[in-house]
Amino acid sequence: MPLEALRIARIVTRVDLDGNGTLDLVATSGHVLVRLGVGDGIFQDAVSYGPPSSGALQLADVTGDGKLDVVTSVEMLGLSILPGNGDGTFQPALEYANPSASIAIAVR
């Protein structure tokens, strides 16, 4: 997926997901898109993770394993957590229904 796909992303954040000292990109654009940086301003092809993600985006270790996880809100449905593997990839999403229509997320 070309970098142009990130232009329509609702939220883009930079973080080192794989621990190599290079910033990676994480975006929401219908789904979570991850582009790992190779260190010279170039990024690998985007990898898409589901379920659909249309709201807020946060990265934090919410599973307590020392690896960054992606937390997103799915408007009108609830929250989704993609547990991180520590190498820039993620496990299948854990979904939490929230009938109060989550739009924003705060992670401590």
PDB file of N, CA and C in Angstrom:
ATOM      1  N   MET A   1       0.854  -1.173   0.000  1.00  0.00           N
ATOM      2  CA  MET A   1       0.000   0.000   0.000  1.00  0.00           C
ATOM      3  C   MET A   1       0.898   1.234   0.000  1.00  0.00           C
ATOM      4  N   PRO A   2       0.688   2.154  -0.920  1.00  0.00           N
ATOM      5  CA  PRO A   2       1.549   3.334  -0.996  1.00  0.00           C
ATOM      6  C   PRO A   2       1.317   4.295   0.156  1.00  0.00           C
ATOM      7  N   LEU A   3       2.325   5.146   0.385  1.00  0.00           N
ATOM      8  CA  LEU A   3       2.244   6.138   1.448  1.00  0.00           C
ATOM      9  C   LEU A   3       1.032   7.045   1.269  1.00  0.00           C
ATOM     10  N   GLU A   4       0.578   7.225   0.039  1.00  0.00           N
ATOM     11  CA  GLU A   4      -0.587   8.070  -0.209  1.00  0.00           C
ATOM     12  C   GLU A   4      -1.806   7.592   0.564  1.00  0.00           C
ATOM     13  N   ALA A   5      -1.880   6.303   0.864  1.00  0.00           N
ATOM     14  CA  ALA A   5      -3.025   5.769   1.609  1.00  0.00           C
ATOM     15  C   ALA A   5      -3.106   6.386   2.990  1.00  0.00           C
ATOM     16  N   LEU A   6      -1.961   6.807   3.542  1.00  0.00           N
ATOM     17  CA  LEU A   6      -1.975   7.421   4.866  1.00  0.00           C
ATOM     18  C   LEU A   6      -2.517   8.843   4.826  1.00  0.00           C
ATOM     19  N   ARG A   7      -2.592   9.447   3.650  1.00  0.00           N
ATOM     20  CA  ARG A   7      -3.133  10.803   3.545  1.00  0.00           C
ATOM     21  C   ARG A   7      -4.603  10.867   3.932  1.00  0.00           C
ATOM     22  N   ILE A   8      -5.327   9.778   3.757  1.00  0.00           N
ATOM     23  CA  ILE A   8      -6.739   9.776   4.123  1.00  0.00           C
ATOM     24  C   ILE A   8      -6.966   9.223   5.526  1.00  0.00           C
ATOM     25  N   ALA A   9      -5.886   8.922   6.213  1.00  0.00           N
ATOM     26  CA  ALA A   9      -5.983   8.397   7.574  1.00  0.00           C
ATOM     27  C   ALA A   9      -6.559   9.445   8.510  1.00  0.00           C
ATOM     28  N   ARG A  10      -7.354   8.996   9.460  1.00  0.00           N
ATOM     29  CA  ARG A  10      -7.928   9.906  10.445  1.00  0.00           C
ATOM     30  C   ARG A  10      -6.902  10.291  11.491  1.00  0.00           C
ATOM     31  N   ILE A  11      -6.074   9.335  11.892  1.00  0.00           N
ATOM     32  CA  ILE A  11      -5.070   9.572  12.934  1.00  0.00           C
ATOM     33  C   ILE A  11      -3.793   8.850  12.530  1.00  0.00           C
ATOM     34  N   VAL A  12      -2.662   9.537  12.647  1.00  0.00           N
ATOM     35  CA  VAL A  12      -1.361   8.924  12.378  1.00  0.00           C
ATOM     36  C   VAL A  12      -0.459   9.234  13.567  1.00  0.00           C
ATOM     37  N   THR A  13       0.251   8.232  14.049  1.00  0.00           N
ATOM     38  CA  THR A  13       1.204   8.440  15.132  1.00  0.00           C
ATOM     39  C   THR A  13       2.522   7.748  14.781  1.00  0.00           C
ATOM     40  N   ARG A  14       3.603   8.259  15.359  1.00  0.00           N
ATOM     41  CA  ARG A  14       4.933   7.680  15.137  1.00  0.00           C
ATOM     42  C   ARG A  14       5.420   7.075  16.446  1.00  0.00           C
ATOM     43  N   VAL A  15       5.943   5.870  16.354  1.00  0.00           N
ATOM     44  CA  VAL A  15       6.446   5.168  17.537  1.00  0.00           C
ATOM     45  C   VAL A  15       7.356   4.032  17.070  1.00  0.00           C
ATOM     46  N   ASP A  16       8.314   3.638  17.886  1.00  0.00           N
ATOM     47  CA  ASP A  16       9.175   2.508  17.563  1.00  0.00           C
ATOM     48  C   ASP A  16       8.498   1.231  18.055  1.00  0.00           C
ATOM     49  N   LEU A  17       7.836   0.527  17.162  1.00  0.00           N
ATOM     50  CA  LEU A  17       7.094  -0.683  17.533  1.00  0.00           C
ATOM     51  C   LEU A  17       7.976  -1.922  17.676  1.00  0.00           C
ATOM     52  N   ASP A  18       9.058  -1.968  16.922  1.00  0.00           N
ATOM     53  CA  ASP A  18       9.857  -3.188  16.891  1.00  0.00           C
ATOM     54  C   ASP A  18      11.186  -3.088  17.635  1.00  0.00           C
ATOM     55  N   GLY A  19      11.412  -1.958  18.331  1.00  0.00           N
ATOM     56  CA  GLY A  19      12.585  -1.825  19.178  1.00  0.00           C
ATOM     57  C   GLY A  19      13.906  -1.673  18.454  1.00  0.00           C
ATOM     58  N   ASN A  20      13.884  -1.271  17.180  1.00  0.00           N
ATOM     59  CA  ASN A  20      15.132  -1.122  16.427  1.00  0.00           C
ATOM     60  C   ASN A  20      15.656   0.315  16.408  1.00  0.00           C
ATOM     61  N   GLY A  21      15.001   1.217  17.153  1.00  0.00           N
ATOM     62  CA  GLY A  21      15.438   2.603  17.215  1.00  0.00           C
ATOM     63  C   GLY A  21      14.955   3.463  16.072  1.00  0.00           C
ATOM     64  N   THR A  22      14.135   2.924  15.187  1.00  0.00           N
ATOM     65  CA  THR A  22      13.594   3.649  14.039  1.00  0.00           C
ATOM     66  C   THR A  22      12.097   3.845  14.232  1.00  0.00           C
ATOM     67  N   LEU A  23      11.617   5.046  13.914  1.00  0.00           N
ATOM     68  CA  LEU A  23      10.188   5.312  14.066  1.00  0.00           C
ATOM     69  C   LEU A  23       9.374   4.570  13.015  1.00  0.00           C
ATOM     70  N   ASP A  24       8.242   4.051  13.453  1.00  0.00           N
ATOM     71  CA  ASP A  24       7.275   3.376  12.600  1.00  0.00           C
ATOM     72  C   ASP A  24       6.002   4.218  12.590  1.00  0.00           C
ATOM     73  N   LEU A  25       5.125   3.987  11.618  1.00  0.00           N
ATOM     74  CA  LEU A  25       3.863   4.714  11.527  1.00  0.00           C
ATOM     75  C   LEU A  25       2.700   3.799  11.847  1.00  0.00           C
ATOM     76  N   VAL A  26       1.756   4.315  12.632  1.00  0.00           N
ATOM     77  CA  VAL A  26       0.513   3.607  12.927  1.00  0.00           C
ATOM     78  C   VAL A  26      -0.609   4.585  12.607  1.00  0.00           C
ATOM     79  N   ALA A  27      -1.589   4.140  11.846  1.00  0.00           N
ATOM     80  CA  ALA A  27      -2.678   5.020  11.430  1.00  0.00           C
ATOM     81  C   ALA A  27      -4.008   4.288  11.488  1.00  0.00           C
ATOM     82  N   THR A  28      -5.084   5.069  11.598  1.00  0.00           N
ATOM     83  CA  THR A  28      -6.425   4.506  11.428  1.00  0.00           C
ATOM     84  C   THR A  28      -6.989   5.060  10.131  1.00  0.00           C
ATOM     85  N   SER A  29      -7.454   4.179   9.311  1.00  0.00           N
ATOM     86  CA  SER A  29      -8.024   4.547   8.021  1.00  0.00           C
ATOM     87  C   SER A  29      -9.009   3.459   7.616  1.00  0.00           C
ATOM     88  N   GLY A  30     -10.047   3.300   8.418  1.00  0.00           N
ATOM     89  CA  GLY A  30     -10.955   2.181   8.219  1.00  0.00           C
ATOM     90  C   GLY A  30     -10.515   0.968   9.024  1.00  0.00           C
ATOM     91  N   HIS A  31      -9.223   0.709   9.043  1.00  0.00           N
ATOM     92  CA  HIS A  31      -8.577  -0.321   9.852  1.00  0.00           C
ATOM     93  C   HIS A  31      -7.312   0.302  10.422  1.00  0.00           C
ATOM     94  N   VAL A  32      -6.600  -0.436  11.239  1.00  0.00           N
ATOM     95  CA  VAL A  32      -5.301   0.025  11.720  1.00  0.00           C
ATOM     96  C   VAL A  32      -4.265  -0.348  10.658  1.00  0.00           C
ATOM     97  N   LEU A  33      -3.481   0.638  10.231  1.00  0.00           N
ATOM     98  CA  LEU A  33      -2.409   0.421   9.262  1.00  0.00           C
ATOM     99  C   LEU A  33      -1.071   0.617   9.956  1.00  0.00           C
ATOM    100  N   VAL A  34      -0.141  -0.301   9.743  1.00  0.00           N
ATOM    101  CA  VAL A  34       1.190  -0.215  10.340  1.00  0.00           C
ATOM    102  C   VAL A  34       2.217  -0.242   9.218  1.00  0.00           C
ATOM    103  N   ARG A  35       3.137   0.752   9.249  1.00  0.00           N
ATOM    104  CA  ARG A  35       4.267   0.794   8.308  1.00  0.00           C
ATOM    105  C   ARG A  35       5.544   0.876   9.125  1.00  0.00           C
ATOM    106  N   LEU A  36       6.353  -0.167   9.063  1.00  0.00           N
ATOM    107  CA  LEU A  36       7.603  -0.200   9.822  1.00  0.00           C
ATOM    108  C   LEU A  36       8.673   0.594   9.087  1.00  0.00           C
ATOM    109  N   GLY A  37       9.390   1.444   9.835  1.00  0.00           N
ATOM    110  CA  GLY A  37      10.465   2.239   9.257  1.00  0.00           C
ATOM    111  C   GLY A  37      11.724   1.415   9.097  1.00  0.00           C
ATOM    112  N   VAL A  38      12.472   1.707   8.024  1.00  0.00           N
ATOM    113  CA  VAL A  38      13.724   0.982   7.796  1.00  0.00           C
ATOM    114  C   VAL A  38      14.940   1.835   8.141  1.00  0.00           C
ATOM    115  N   GLY A  39      14.731   3.080   8.568  1.00  0.00           N
ATOM    116  CA  GLY A  39      15.818   3.884   9.093  1.00  0.00           C
ATOM    117  C   GLY A  39      16.347   4.979   8.208  1.00  0.00           C
ATOM    118  N   ASP A  40      15.937   5.028   6.961  1.00  0.00           N
ATOM    119  CA  ASP A  40      16.451   6.061   6.064  1.00  0.00           C
ATOM    120  C   ASP A  40      15.318   6.906   5.475  1.00  0.00           C
ATOM    121  N   GLY A  41      14.222   7.013   6.226  1.00  0.00           N
ATOM    122  CA  GLY A  41      13.071   7.771   5.757  1.00  0.00           C
ATOM    123  C   GLY A  41      12.129   6.965   4.885  1.00  0.00           C
ATOM    124  N   ILE A  42      12.426   5.692   4.711  1.00  0.00           N
ATOM    125  CA  ILE A  42      11.591   4.806   3.899  1.00  0.00           C
ATOM    126  C   ILE A  42      10.862   3.853   4.834  1.00  0.00           C
ATOM    127  N   PHE A  43       9.644   3.490   4.456  1.00  0.00           N
ATOM    128  CA  PHE A  43       8.826   2.587   5.258  1.00  0.00           C
ATOM    129  C   PHE A  43       8.467   1.356   4.451  1.00  0.00           C
ATOM    130  N   GLN A  44       8.353   0.231   5.139  1.00  0.00           N
ATOM    131  CA  GLN A  44       7.888  -0.997   4.504  1.00  0.00           C
ATOM    132  C   GLN A  44       6.430  -0.814   4.092  1.00  0.00           C
ATOM    133  N   ASP A  45       5.930  -1.711   3.255  1.00  0.00           N
ATOM    134  CA  ASP A  45       4.527  -1.678   2.856  1.00  0.00           C
ATOM    135  C   ASP A  45       3.637  -1.771   4.087  1.00  0.00           C
ATOM    136  N   ALA A  46       2.494  -1.141   4.003  1.00  0.00           N
ATOM    137  CA  ALA A  46       1.548  -1.132   5.119  1.00  0.00           C
ATOM    138  C   ALA A  46       0.945  -2.514   5.329  1.00  0.00           C
ATOM    139  N   VAL A  47       0.750  -2.836   6.601  1.00  0.00           N
ATOM    140  CA  VAL A  47       0.035  -4.049   6.990  1.00  0.00           C
ATOM    141  C   VAL A  47      -1.237  -3.584   7.679  1.00  0.00           C
ATOM    142  N   SER A  48      -2.371  -4.141   7.279  1.00  0.00           N
ATOM    143  CA  SER A  48      -3.671  -3.744   7.814  1.00  0.00           C
ATOM    144  C   SER A  48      -4.127  -4.743   8.865  1.00  0.00           C
ATOM    145  N   TYR A  49      -4.631  -4.213   9.973  1.00  0.00           N
ATOM    146  CA  TYR A  49      -5.163  -5.041  11.055  1.00  0.00           C
ATOM    147  C   TYR A  49      -6.603  -4.642  11.304  1.00  0.00           C
ATOM    148  N   GLY A  50      -7.468  -5.613  11.571  1.00  0.00           N
ATOM    149  CA  GLY A  50      -8.870  -5.353  11.858  1.00  0.00           C
ATOM    150  C   GLY A  50      -9.120  -5.502  13.326  1.00  0.00           C
ATOM    151  N   PRO A  51     -10.290  -5.228  13.769  1.00  0.00           N
ATOM    152  CA  PRO A  51     -11.514  -4.907  13.037  1.00  0.00           C
ATOM    153  C   PRO A  51     -11.510  -3.455  12.581  1.00  0.00           C
ATOM    154  N   PRO A  52     -12.575  -3.048  11.900  1.00  0.00           N
ATOM    155  CA  PRO A  52     -12.656  -1.650  11.473  1.00  0.00           C
ATOM    156  C   PRO A  52     -12.397  -0.696  12.633  1.00  0.00           C
ATOM    157  N   SER A  53     -11.634   0.337  12.353  1.00  0.00           N
ATOM    158  CA  SER A  53     -11.292   1.324  13.366  1.00  0.00           C
ATOM    159  C   SER A  53     -11.547   2.701  12.800  1.00  0.00           C
ATOM    160  N   SER A  54     -12.390   3.444  13.442  1.00  0.00           N
ATOM    161  CA  SER A  54     -12.755   4.741  12.883  1.00  0.00           C
ATOM    162  C   SER A  54     -12.617   5.886  13.868  1.00  0.00           C
ATOM    163  N   GLY A  55     -12.214   5.587  15.085  1.00  0.00           N
ATOM    164  CA  GLY A  55     -12.153   6.643  16.092  1.00  0.00           C
ATOM    165  C   GLY A  55     -10.753   6.909  16.582  1.00  0.00           C
ATOM    166  N   ALA A  56     -10.610   7.031  17.879  1.00  0.00           N
ATOM    167  CA  ALA A  56      -9.343   7.396  18.513  1.00  0.00           C
ATOM    168  C   ALA A  56      -8.322   6.269  18.426  1.00  0.00           C
ATOM    169  N   LEU A  57      -7.050   6.639  18.612  1.00  0.00           N
ATOM    170  CA  LEU A  57      -5.942   5.696  18.559  1.00  0.00           C
ATOM    171  C   LEU A  57      -4.973   6.006  19.686  1.00  0.00           C
ATOM    172  N   GLN A  58      -4.597   4.995  20.448  1.00  0.00           N
ATOM    173  CA  GLN A  58      -3.590   5.124  21.503  1.00  0.00           C
ATOM    174  C   GLN A  58      -2.677   3.911  21.444  1.00  0.00           C
ATOM    175  N   LEU A  59      -1.419   4.098  21.816  1.00  0.00           N
ATOM    176  CA  LEU A  59      -0.476   2.994  21.937  1.00  0.00           C
ATOM    177  C   LEU A  59       0.010   2.949  23.367  1.00  0.00           C
ATOM    178  N   ALA A  60      -0.116   1.792  23.992  1.00  0.00           N
ATOM    179  CA  ALA A  60       0.307   1.603  25.378  1.00  0.00           C
ATOM    180  C   ALA A  60       0.373   0.105  25.649  1.00  0.00           C
ATOM    181  N   ASP A  61       1.088  -0.264  26.685  1.00  0.00           N
ATOM    182  CA  ASP A  61       1.134  -1.667  27.098  1.00  0.00           C
ATOM    183  C   ASP A  61      -0.054  -1.920  28.020  1.00  0.00           C
ATOM    184  N   VAL A  62      -1.201  -2.236  27.443  1.00  0.00           N
ATOM    185  CA  VAL A  62      -2.393  -2.470  28.268  1.00  0.00           C
ATOM    186  C   VAL A  62      -2.531  -3.931  28.684  1.00  0.00           C
ATOM    187  N   THR A  63      -1.745  -4.820  28.072  1.00  0.00           N
ATOM    188  CA  THR A  63      -1.814  -6.234  28.440  1.00  0.00           C
ATOM    189  C   THR A  63      -0.781  -6.612  29.503  1.00  0.00           C
ATOM    190  N   GLY A  64       0.137  -5.674  29.827  1.00  0.00           N
ATOM    191  CA  GLY A  64       1.100  -5.904  30.894  1.00  0.00           C
ATOM    192  C   GLY A  64       2.261  -6.808  30.552  1.00  0.00           C
ATOM    193  N   ASP A  65       2.532  -7.019  29.253  1.00  0.00           N
ATOM    194  CA  ASP A  65       3.632  -7.901  28.868  1.00  0.00           C
ATOM    195  C   ASP A  65       4.886  -7.155  28.421  1.00  0.00           C
ATOM    196  N   GLY A  66       4.890  -5.818  28.572  1.00  0.00           N
ATOM    197  CA  GLY A  66       6.047  -5.026  28.186  1.00  0.00           C
ATOM    198  C   GLY A  66       6.107  -4.672  26.712  1.00  0.00           C
ATOM    199  N   LYS A  67       5.079  -5.011  25.945  1.00  0.00           N
ATOM    200  CA  LYS A  67       5.035  -4.729  24.508  1.00  0.00           C
ATOM    201  C   LYS A  67       3.899  -3.753  24.217  1.00  0.00           C
ATOM    202  N   LEU A  68       4.135  -2.820  23.282  1.00  0.00           N
ATOM    203  CA  LEU A  68       3.099  -1.854  22.942  1.00  0.00           C
ATOM    204  C   LEU A  68       1.915  -2.527  22.270  1.00  0.00           C
ATOM    205  N   ASP A  69       0.727  -2.129  22.689  1.00  0.00           N
ATOM    206  CA  ASP A  69      -0.527  -2.584  22.098  1.00  0.00           C
ATOM    207  C   ASP A  69      -1.199  -1.386  21.448  1.00  0.00           C
ATOM    208  N   VAL A  70      -2.035  -1.640  20.470  1.00  0.00           N
ATOM    209  CA  VAL A  70      -2.810  -0.578  19.827  1.00  0.00           C
ATOM    210  C   VAL A  70      -4.231  -0.635  20.372  1.00  0.00           C
ATOM    211  N   VAL A  71      -4.698   0.508  20.876  1.00  0.00           N
ATOM    212  CA  VAL A  71      -6.062   0.609  21.386  1.00  0.00           C
ATOM    213  C   VAL A  71      -6.799   1.600  20.500  1.00  0.00           C
ATOM    214  N   THR A  72      -7.920   1.196  19.950  1.00  0.00           N
ATOM    215  CA  THR A  72      -8.704   2.078  19.095  1.00  0.00           C
ATOM    216  C   THR A  72     -10.161   2.059  19.533  1.00  0.00           C
ATOM    217  N   SER A  73     -10.844   3.132  19.206  1.00  0.00           N
ATOM    218  CA  SER A  73     -12.291   3.136  19.415  1.00  0.00           C
ATOM    219  C   SER A  73     -12.962   2.909  18.080  1.00  0.00           C
ATOM    220  N   VAL A  74     -14.033   2.192  18.138  1.00  0.00           N
ATOM    221  CA  VAL A  74     -14.846   1.942  16.962  1.00  0.00           C
ATOM    222  C   VAL A  74     -16.163   2.656  17.228  1.00  0.00           C
ATOM    223  N   GLU A  75     -16.364   3.769  16.541  1.00  0.00           N
ATOM    224  CA  GLU A  75     -17.515   4.615  16.828  1.00  0.00           C
ATOM    225  C   GLU A  75     -18.810   3.810  16.850  1.00  0.00           C
ATOM    226  N   MET A  76     -19.580   4.038  17.879  1.00  0.00           N
ATOM    227  CA  MET A  76     -20.884   3.426  18.105  1.00  0.00           C
ATOM    228  C   MET A  76     -20.804   1.950  18.516  1.00  0.00           C
ATOM    229  N   LEU A  77     -19.581   1.402  18.645  1.00  0.00           N
ATOM    230  CA  LEU A  77     -19.460  -0.005  18.997  1.00  0.00           C
ATOM    231  C   LEU A  77     -18.662  -0.251  20.268  1.00  0.00           C
ATOM    232  N   GLY A  78     -17.531   0.405  20.449  1.00  0.00           N
ATOM    233  CA  GLY A  78     -16.724   0.172  21.642  1.00  0.00           C
ATOM    234  C   GLY A  78     -15.248   0.302  21.379  1.00  0.00           C
ATOM    235  N   LEU A  79     -14.457  -0.549  22.055  1.00  0.00           N
ATOM    236  CA  LEU A  79     -13.003  -0.490  21.974  1.00  0.00           C
ATOM    237  C   LEU A  79     -12.441  -1.756  21.352  1.00  0.00           C
ATOM    238  N   SER A  80     -11.274  -1.604  20.750  1.00  0.00           N
ATOM    239  CA  SER A  80     -10.561  -2.736  20.191  1.00  0.00           C
ATOM    240  C   SER A  80      -9.110  -2.640  20.661  1.00  0.00           C
ATOM    241  N   ILE A  81      -8.542  -3.761  21.089  1.00  0.00           N
ATOM    242  CA  ILE A  81      -7.137  -3.820  21.487  1.00  0.00           C
ATOM    243  C   ILE A  81      -6.437  -4.827  20.592  1.00  0.00           C
ATOM    244  N   LEU A  82      -5.352  -4.381  19.943  1.00  0.00           N
ATOM    245  CA  LEU A  82      -4.498  -5.277  19.176  1.00  0.00           C
ATOM    246  C   LEU A  82      -3.261  -5.533  20.023  1.00  0.00           C
ATOM    247  N   PRO A  83      -3.154  -6.700  20.671  1.00  0.00           N
ATOM    248  CA  PRO A  83      -1.974  -6.986  21.492  1.00  0.00           C
ATOM    249  C   PRO A  83      -0.717  -7.056  20.634  1.00  0.00           C
ATOM    250  N   GLY A  84       0.313  -6.314  21.045  1.00  0.00           N
ATOM    251  CA  GLY A  84       1.561  -6.289  20.294  1.00  0.00           C
ATOM    252  C   GLY A  84       2.437  -7.499  20.568  1.00  0.00           C
ATOM    253  N   ASN A  85       3.198  -7.897  19.550  1.00  0.00           N
ATOM    254  CA  ASN A  85       4.156  -8.995  19.680  1.00  0.00           C
ATOM    255  C   ASN A  85       5.566  -8.496  19.981  1.00  0.00           C
ATOM    256  N   GLY A  86       5.761  -7.164  19.944  1.00  0.00           N
ATOM    257  CA  GLY A  86       7.068  -6.585  20.222  1.00  0.00           C
ATOM    258  C   GLY A  86       7.969  -6.468  19.008  1.00  0.00           C
ATOM    259  N   ASP A  87       7.511  -6.977  17.861  1.00  0.00           N
ATOM    260  CA  ASP A  87       8.311  -6.924  16.635  1.00  0.00           C
ATOM    261  C   ASP A  87       7.636  -6.118  15.532  1.00  0.00           C
ATOM    262  N   GLY A  88       6.632  -5.323  15.913  1.00  0.00           N
ATOM    263  CA  GLY A  88       5.900  -4.519  14.935  1.00  0.00           C
ATOM    264  C   GLY A  88       4.680  -5.207  14.366  1.00  0.00           C
ATOM    265  N   THR A  89       4.397  -6.421  14.824  1.00  0.00           N
ATOM    266  CA  THR A  89       3.188  -7.129  14.394  1.00  0.00           C
ATOM    267  C   THR A  89       2.243  -7.246  15.585  1.00  0.00           C
ATOM    268  N   PHE A  90       0.997  -7.610  15.287  1.00  0.00           N
ATOM    269  CA  PHE A  90      -0.027  -7.650  16.321  1.00  0.00           C
ATOM    270  C   PHE A  90      -0.853  -8.918  16.233  1.00  0.00           C
ATOM    271  N   GLN A  91      -1.368  -9.330  17.380  1.00  0.00           N
ATOM    272  CA  GLN A  91      -2.250 -10.478  17.473  1.00  0.00           C
ATOM    273  C   GLN A  91      -3.669 -10.066  17.081  1.00  0.00           C
ATOM    274  N   PRO A  92      -4.561 -11.026  16.892  1.00  0.00           N
ATOM    275  CA  PRO A  92      -5.949 -10.679  16.579  1.00  0.00           C
ATOM    276  C   PRO A  92      -6.549  -9.769  17.651  1.00  0.00           C
ATOM    277  N   ALA A  93      -7.465  -8.949  17.221  1.00  0.00           N
ATOM    278  CA  ALA A  93      -8.066  -7.940  18.093  1.00  0.00           C
ATOM    279  C   ALA A  93      -8.927  -8.543  19.196  1.00  0.00           C
ATOM    280  N   LEU A  94      -8.854  -7.896  20.347  1.00  0.00           N
ATOM    281  CA  LEU A  94      -9.773  -8.158  21.451  1.00  0.00           C
ATOM    282  C   LEU A  94     -10.789  -7.031  21.397  1.00  0.00           C
ATOM    283  N   GLU A  95     -12.054  -7.354  21.314  1.00  0.00           N
ATOM    284  CA  GLU A  95     -13.079  -6.328  21.161  1.00  0.00           C
ATOM    285  C   GLU A  95     -13.933  -6.238  22.410  1.00  0.00           C
ATOM    286  N   TYR A  96     -14.236  -4.997  22.789  1.00  0.00           N
ATOM    287  CA  TYR A  96     -15.045  -4.729  23.972  1.00  0.00           C
ATOM    288  C   TYR A  96     -16.202  -3.821  23.591  1.00  0.00           C
ATOM    289  N   ALA A  97     -17.398  -4.333  23.720  1.00  0.00           N
ATOM    290  CA  ALA A  97     -18.579  -3.552  23.364  1.00  0.00           C
ATOM    291  C   ALA A  97     -18.802  -2.440  24.380  1.00  0.00           C
ATOM    292  N   ASN A  98     -19.236  -1.309  23.878  1.00  0.00           N
ATOM    293  CA  ASN A  98     -19.540  -0.159  24.722  1.00  0.00           C
ATOM    294  C   ASN A  98     -20.719   0.572  24.101  1.00  0.00           C
ATOM    295  N   PRO A  99     -21.897   0.350  24.599  1.00  0.00           N
ATOM    296  CA  PRO A  99     -23.079   0.968  23.997  1.00  0.00           C
ATOM    297  C   PRO A  99     -23.122   2.488  24.152  1.00  0.00           C
ATOM    298  N   SER A 100     -22.186   3.069  24.916  1.00  0.00           N
ATOM    299  CA  SER A 100     -22.211   4.520  25.092  1.00  0.00           C
ATOM    300  C   SER A 100     -21.436   5.250  23.995  1.00  0.00           C
ATOM    301  N   ALA A 101     -21.070   4.551  22.931  1.00  0.00           N
ATOM    302  CA  ALA A 101     -20.467   5.137  21.748  1.00  0.00           C
ATOM    303  C   ALA A 101     -19.133   5.815  22.022  1.00  0.00           C
ATOM    304  N   SER A 102     -18.080   5.026  22.209  1.00  0.00           N
ATOM    305  CA  SER A 102     -16.733   5.555  22.455  1.00  0.00           C
ATOM    306  C   SER A 102     -16.238   6.370  21.271  1.00  0.00           C
ATOM    307  N   ILE A 103     -15.710   7.531  21.566  1.00  0.00           N
ATOM    308  CA  ILE A 103     -15.101   8.372  20.545  1.00  0.00           C
ATOM    309  C   ILE A 103     -13.661   8.691  20.913  1.00  0.00           C
ATOM    310  N   ALA A 104     -13.376   8.868  22.194  1.00  0.00           N
ATOM    311  CA  ALA A 104     -12.033   9.200  22.654  1.00  0.00           C
ATOM    312  C   ALA A 104     -11.538   8.125  23.608  1.00  0.00           C
ATOM    313  N   ILE A 105     -10.197   8.013  23.707  1.00  0.00           N
ATOM    314  CA  ILE A 105      -9.573   7.025  24.582  1.00  0.00           C
ATOM    315  C   ILE A 105      -8.481   7.712  25.386  1.00  0.00           C
ATOM    316  N   ALA A 106      -8.388   7.377  26.657  1.00  0.00           N
ATOM    317  CA  ALA A 106      -7.275   7.828  27.493  1.00  0.00           C
ATOM    318  C   ALA A 106      -6.682   6.582  28.151  1.00  0.00           C
ATOM    319  N   VAL A 107      -5.377   6.391  27.992  1.00  0.00           N
ATOM    320  CA  VAL A 107      -4.691   5.240  28.550  1.00  0.00           C
ATOM    321  C   VAL A 107      -3.607   5.741  29.484  1.00  0.00           C
ATOM    322  N   ARG A 108      -3.531   5.162  30.686  1.00  0.00           N
ATOM    323  CA  ARG A 108      -2.474   5.552  31.633  1.00  0.00           C
ATOM    324  C   ARG A 108      -1.478   4.458  31.766  1.00  0.00           C
TER     325      ARG A 108
END
